[in-house]
Amino acid sequence: MIIAIAAIKGGVGKTTLTFCLAATLSEMGKKVLCLDLDHQGDLSAALGASKDDSDPTLGQILYAPKREQAEMLARGIIDIPGCCHLVTPGSDLGAYQSEIENGLASESRLADALGGFNKAYENYDYVLLDTPKGEGLFTKNALVACDNVIVPVQTEYFALKNIPELLGLIGQIADRANPRVSVSALVPSRMKQTSLHKSIHQQLLDWDVREQLPHQKQASWVAPPIRDLTLYAELSAQGESLYTYPGVKKMHRAPFIAIAEYLDTLAGQSIQREVEAVG
């Protein structure tokens, strides 16, 4: 299953969610590949890697001819011990953007790479795509390539206001490039114990994404809130996971375990549908 973690607004917890979800899925025995699509390389840093550690880097892979991408992706994977595998963006990812945009099929480069990779090389249970903020080229590439989208929403007004913008982009991509894409989960993020944050959380619980996504048949699940705790920032800064860092308690892991278990349920349903279709 290929999952994009996407949001229009920055600072809503995309990288923290990706980082902690990768560790949780790995702890459950799943094989996980993370792709860092943000030129800042925050996910790579959180996993203890430099953004230039992959050889080739993600920028080079996306710029390459289609026939070479799968093999390059396989070579670019690095191992993060005890957690997952990773492809880092490269310092020149931003520089590649204009070159890729000037070429053909600029928004399907990642889908091409992953499609060829899954056919020719080792399969993963989950591929997590950590996207940059906004609606730029690499966010679009992630949405064209993925099966499911997880949207972290900081429980404050402006993050909530930006959801329709993201859903509009996903709707366009579903209409023209990736009809299977589905917003599987909304994740309340950086939540505080204030009346405003509780009100935003309730609005998320009441939100039906199908009003903006007519192609989607199933309602999005709203995950348990991720609290606004310095602990999560410490994990990234120290390059430690939820399962190795001192002081992490069961309640800190709980929302990520719930998300991982939900994804596992979705994956099982998808496999069952494929079996029924063949039968």
Protein backbone atom coordinates (compact mmCIF):
# COMPACT_ATOMS: atom_id res chain seq x y z
CA MET A 1 0.00 0.00 0.00
CA ILE A 2 1.33 3.42 -1.00
CA ILE A 3 0.32 6.22 1.36
CA ALA A 4 0.87 9.95 0.90
CA ILE A 5 0.97 12.12 4.02
CA ALA A 6 -0.13 15.50 2.69
CA ALA A 7 -1.32 18.92 3.83
CA ILE A 8 -1.45 22.39 2.29
CA LYS A 9 -0.26 24.17 5.42
CA GLY A 10 3.23 23.66 6.78
CA GLY A 11 4.01 22.87 10.39
CA VAL A 12 1.01 20.58 10.91
CA GLY A 13 3.01 17.46 11.76
CA LYS A 14 3.43 15.63 8.43
CA THR A 15 6.99 14.54 9.13
CA THR A 16 6.30 13.60 12.76
CA LEU A 17 3.37 11.48 11.61
CA THR A 18 5.42 9.78 8.89
CA PHE A 19 8.37 9.19 11.21
CA CYS A 20 6.28 7.73 14.05
CA LEU A 21 4.01 5.73 11.74
CA ALA A 22 7.01 4.11 10.03
CA ALA A 23 8.40 3.06 13.41
CA THR A 24 5.02 1.70 14.53
CA LEU A 25 4.41 -0.30 11.36
CA SER A 26 7.93 -1.71 11.61
CA GLU A 27 7.28 -2.65 15.25
CA MET A 28 4.21 -4.56 13.99
CA GLY A 29 6.47 -6.58 11.69
CA LYS A 30 5.66 -4.72 8.48
CA LYS A 31 8.22 -3.90 5.82
CA VAL A 32 8.23 -0.13 5.29
CA LEU A 33 9.85 2.14 2.70
CA CYS A 34 9.82 5.91 3.25
CA LEU A 35 10.38 8.44 0.46
CA ASP A 36 11.35 11.95 1.54
CA LEU A 37 9.83 14.28 -1.07
CA ASP A 38 10.66 17.50 0.76
CA HIS A 39 13.86 19.27 -0.31
CA GLN A 40 14.45 20.27 3.33
CA GLY A 41 15.01 16.60 4.16
CA ASP A 42 13.37 16.76 7.60
CA LEU A 43 12.20 13.13 7.48
CA SER A 44 15.69 11.98 6.52
CA ALA A 45 17.17 13.96 9.42
CA ALA A 46 14.59 12.54 11.85
CA LEU A 47 15.62 9.05 10.75
CA GLY A 48 19.29 9.89 11.34
CA ALA A 49 20.25 10.29 7.66
CA SER A 50 21.60 13.11 5.52
CA LYS A 51 19.43 14.22 2.63
CA ASP A 52 22.24 13.21 0.25
CA ASP A 53 22.77 9.70 1.66
CA SER A 54 20.86 7.93 -1.13
CA ASP A 55 22.82 7.25 -4.31
CA PRO A 56 21.02 8.07 -6.51
CA THR A 57 18.82 10.54 -4.65
CA LEU A 58 15.10 10.95 -5.22
CA GLY A 59 15.67 14.05 -7.36
CA GLN A 60 17.92 12.09 -9.70
CA ILE A 61 15.43 9.20 -9.84
CA LEU A 62 12.50 11.45 -10.75
CA TYR A 63 14.53 13.22 -13.43
CA ALA A 64 15.77 10.00 -15.04
CA PRO A 65 14.23 8.29 -18.09
CA LYS A 66 11.31 6.03 -17.22
CA ARG A 67 13.13 2.86 -18.26
CA GLU A 68 15.87 3.53 -15.68
CA GLN A 69 13.80 4.66 -12.71
CA ALA A 70 12.94 1.34 -11.07
CA GLU A 71 16.54 0.14 -10.99
CA MET A 72 17.71 3.55 -9.71
CA LEU A 73 15.10 3.50 -6.96
CA ALA A 74 16.31 0.09 -5.81
CA ARG A 75 19.90 1.40 -5.66
CA GLY A 76 18.88 4.54 -3.78
CA ILE A 77 17.36 2.73 -0.81
CA ILE A 78 19.26 2.98 2.47
CA ASP A 79 18.59 1.00 5.64
CA ILE A 80 17.51 2.72 8.84
CA PRO A 81 18.34 0.04 11.43
CA GLY A 82 15.40 -1.07 13.54
CA CYS A 83 12.90 1.06 11.64
CA CYS A 84 12.51 1.14 7.88
CA HIS A 85 14.15 1.75 4.52
CA LEU A 86 14.51 5.26 3.12
CA VAL A 87 15.20 7.19 -0.07
CA THR A 88 16.50 10.68 0.66
CA PRO A 89 15.62 13.72 -1.48
CA GLY A 90 19.07 15.11 -2.30
CA SER A 91 20.21 18.69 -1.86
CA ASP A 92 19.34 19.35 -5.50
CA LEU A 93 15.72 18.16 -5.41
CA GLY A 94 14.46 21.73 -5.70
CA ALA A 95 16.76 22.39 -8.65
CA TYR A 96 15.39 19.34 -10.45
CA GLN A 97 11.83 20.62 -10.08
CA SER A 98 11.94 23.09 -12.96
CA GLU A 99 13.70 20.57 -15.20
CA ILE A 100 11.08 17.92 -14.46
CA GLU A 101 8.23 20.38 -14.97
CA ASN A 102 9.58 21.19 -18.42
CA GLY A 103 9.54 17.51 -19.41
CA LEU A 104 6.70 15.16 -20.29
CA ALA A 105 4.46 13.47 -17.70
CA SER A 106 5.97 15.59 -14.94
CA GLU A 107 3.32 14.65 -12.36
CA SER A 108 3.54 10.88 -12.91
CA ARG A 109 7.32 10.42 -12.49
CA LEU A 110 7.01 8.90 -9.03
CA ALA A 111 4.17 6.61 -10.09
CA ASP A 112 6.32 5.39 -12.97
CA ALA A 113 9.26 4.70 -10.66
CA LEU A 114 7.19 2.88 -8.05
CA GLY A 115 5.21 0.94 -10.64
CA GLY A 116 8.34 -0.45 -12.25
CA PHE A 117 9.97 -0.99 -8.86
CA ASN A 118 7.10 -3.07 -7.48
CA LYS A 119 7.12 -5.28 -10.55
CA ALA A 120 10.85 -5.86 -10.73
CA TYR A 121 12.12 -5.65 -7.17
CA GLU A 122 11.25 -6.41 -3.56
CA ASN A 123 7.75 -5.47 -2.47
CA TYR A 124 6.99 -3.54 0.71
CA ASP A 125 3.92 -3.76 2.90
CA TYR A 126 3.81 0.04 3.06
CA VAL A 127 5.43 2.87 1.13
CA LEU A 128 5.09 6.18 2.99
CA LEU A 129 5.45 9.41 1.00
CA ASP A 130 6.36 12.45 3.12
CA THR A 131 5.36 15.47 1.03
CA PRO A 132 6.28 19.15 1.19
CA LYS A 133 3.61 21.69 2.10
CA GLY A 134 1.39 23.13 -0.60
CA GLU A 135 0.28 21.94 -4.03
CA GLY A 136 3.65 21.81 -5.75
CA LEU A 137 5.05 19.25 -8.18
CA PHE A 138 6.22 16.71 -5.61
CA THR A 139 2.95 16.76 -3.69
CA LYS A 140 1.15 16.11 -6.98
CA ASN A 141 3.56 13.27 -7.76
CA ALA A 142 2.75 11.68 -4.40
CA LEU A 143 -1.01 11.98 -4.96
CA VAL A 144 -0.75 10.45 -8.45
CA ALA A 145 1.35 7.56 -7.11
CA CYS A 146 -0.53 6.67 -3.92
CA ASP A 147 -3.47 4.49 -3.00
CA ASN A 148 -4.42 6.38 0.15
CA VAL A 149 -3.90 9.86 1.57
CA ILE A 150 -3.53 10.65 5.24
CA VAL A 151 -4.14 14.32 6.08
CA PRO A 152 -2.69 15.64 9.34
CA VAL A 153 -4.71 18.65 10.46
CA GLN A 154 -3.40 20.92 13.17
CA THR A 155 -6.38 21.68 15.40
CA GLU A 156 -6.45 25.38 14.67
CA TYR A 157 -8.53 27.49 12.31
CA PHE A 158 -6.18 28.04 9.36
CA ALA A 159 -5.26 24.36 9.01
CA LEU A 160 -8.95 23.44 8.97
CA LYS A 161 -9.65 26.15 6.40
CA ASN A 162 -7.09 24.62 4.01
CA ILE A 163 -8.66 21.16 3.87
CA PRO A 164 -11.06 21.99 0.98
CA GLU A 165 -8.10 23.24 -1.07
CA LEU A 166 -6.28 19.93 -0.67
CA LEU A 167 -9.45 17.93 -1.32
CA GLY A 168 -9.99 19.94 -4.50
CA LEU A 169 -6.53 18.97 -5.73
CA ILE A 170 -7.12 15.31 -4.83
CA GLY A 171 -10.45 15.42 -6.69
CA GLN A 172 -8.76 16.73 -9.83
CA ILE A 173 -6.09 14.04 -9.64
CA ALA A 174 -8.74 11.34 -9.12
CA ASP A 175 -10.60 12.64 -12.16
CA ARG A 176 -7.62 12.80 -14.51
CA ALA A 177 -4.70 10.72 -13.27
CA ASN A 178 -5.37 8.38 -10.32
CA PRO A 179 -8.98 7.22 -9.89
CA ARG A 180 -8.04 4.88 -7.01
CA VAL A 181 -6.79 7.65 -4.69
CA SER A 182 -8.76 7.90 -1.46
CA VAL A 183 -8.48 10.10 1.63
CA SER A 184 -8.39 7.31 4.17
CA ALA A 185 -7.79 9.31 7.34
CA LEU A 186 -7.80 12.76 8.89
CA VAL A 187 -5.40 13.03 11.80
CA PRO A 188 -5.94 15.78 14.41
CA SER A 189 -2.44 16.99 15.10
CA ARG A 190 -0.65 19.14 17.69
CA MET A 191 -3.82 19.26 19.74
CA LYS A 192 -3.97 21.24 22.98
CA GLN A 193 -6.52 21.01 25.78
CA THR A 194 -8.32 24.25 24.93
CA SER A 195 -11.92 24.89 23.95
CA LEU A 196 -10.82 26.08 20.49
CA HIS A 197 -8.82 22.93 19.78
CA LYS A 198 -11.68 20.76 21.03
CA SER A 199 -14.08 22.65 18.73
CA ILE A 200 -11.80 22.10 15.70
CA HIS A 201 -11.53 18.42 16.63
CA GLN A 202 -15.31 18.12 16.66
CA GLN A 203 -15.54 19.78 13.26
CA LEU A 204 -13.09 17.18 11.93
CA LEU A 205 -15.23 14.40 13.37
CA ASP A 206 -18.23 15.85 11.55
CA TRP A 207 -16.42 16.39 8.22
CA ASP A 208 -17.47 14.20 5.30
CA VAL A 209 -14.78 14.37 2.61
CA ARG A 210 -17.15 12.73 0.12
CA GLU A 211 -18.87 16.08 -0.32
CA GLN A 212 -15.66 17.29 -2.03
CA LEU A 213 -14.65 13.87 -3.40
CA PRO A 214 -17.66 12.37 -5.20
CA HIS A 215 -15.54 9.48 -6.50
CA GLN A 216 -14.84 8.30 -2.94
CA LYS A 217 -17.37 5.83 -1.57
CA GLN A 218 -16.08 5.35 1.97
CA ALA A 219 -16.01 8.08 4.60
CA SER A 220 -12.64 9.08 5.97
CA TRP A 221 -11.71 7.84 9.40
CA VAL A 222 -10.72 10.44 12.02
CA ALA A 223 -7.76 9.20 14.04
CA PRO A 224 -7.26 9.77 17.77
CA PRO A 225 -5.64 13.18 18.32
CA ILE A 226 -1.87 13.56 18.45
CA ARG A 227 -1.15 15.89 21.34
CA ASP A 228 1.07 18.97 21.11
CA LEU A 229 3.98 17.54 23.10
CA THR A 230 7.66 18.46 23.05
CA LEU A 231 8.38 14.73 23.26
CA TYR A 232 7.60 14.26 19.55
CA ALA A 233 10.01 17.05 18.59
CA GLU A 234 12.66 15.46 20.79
CA LEU A 235 12.30 12.16 18.92
CA SER A 236 13.11 13.83 15.60
CA ALA A 237 15.93 15.90 17.02
CA GLN A 238 17.57 12.86 18.62
CA GLY A 239 16.94 10.48 15.71
CA GLU A 240 15.13 8.12 18.11
CA SER A 241 11.84 6.31 17.61
CA LEU A 242 8.77 5.87 19.78
CA TYR A 243 10.15 2.47 20.71
CA THR A 244 13.72 3.42 21.68
CA TYR A 245 13.52 6.88 23.26
CA PRO A 246 13.48 7.01 27.09
CA GLY A 247 10.34 8.50 28.57
CA VAL A 248 7.95 7.42 25.82
CA LYS A 249 4.81 6.03 27.39
CA LYS A 250 1.95 3.91 26.08
CA MET A 251 -0.27 7.00 25.67
CA HIS A 252 2.36 8.62 23.41
CA ARG A 253 2.34 5.63 21.09
CA ALA A 254 -1.44 5.09 21.17
CA PRO A 255 -2.55 7.35 18.27
CA PHE A 256 0.10 5.96 15.93
CA ILE A 257 -0.77 2.38 16.86
CA ALA A 258 -4.43 3.15 16.11
CA ILE A 259 -3.50 4.58 12.69
CA ALA A 260 -1.25 1.61 11.88
CA GLU A 261 -3.97 -0.86 12.85
CA TYR A 262 -6.50 1.01 10.72
CA LEU A 263 -4.16 0.90 7.72
CA ASP A 264 -3.66 -2.81 8.28
CA THR A 265 -7.43 -3.26 8.15
CA LEU A 266 -7.59 -1.28 4.89
CA ALA A 267 -4.80 -3.39 3.42
CA GLY A 268 -6.64 -6.57 4.34
CA GLN A 269 -9.85 -5.29 2.73
CA SER A 270 -7.94 -4.40 -0.43
CA ILE A 271 -6.43 -7.88 -0.67
CA GLN A 272 -9.86 -9.44 -0.14
CA ARG A 273 -11.34 -7.34 -2.96
CA GLU A 274 -8.53 -8.43 -5.29
CA VAL A 275 -9.13 -12.09 -4.41
CA GLU A 276 -12.87 -11.72 -5.05
CA ALA A 277 -12.23 -9.97 -8.36
CA VAL A 278 -9.99 -12.82 -9.54
CA GLY A 279 -12.43 -15.43 -8.29
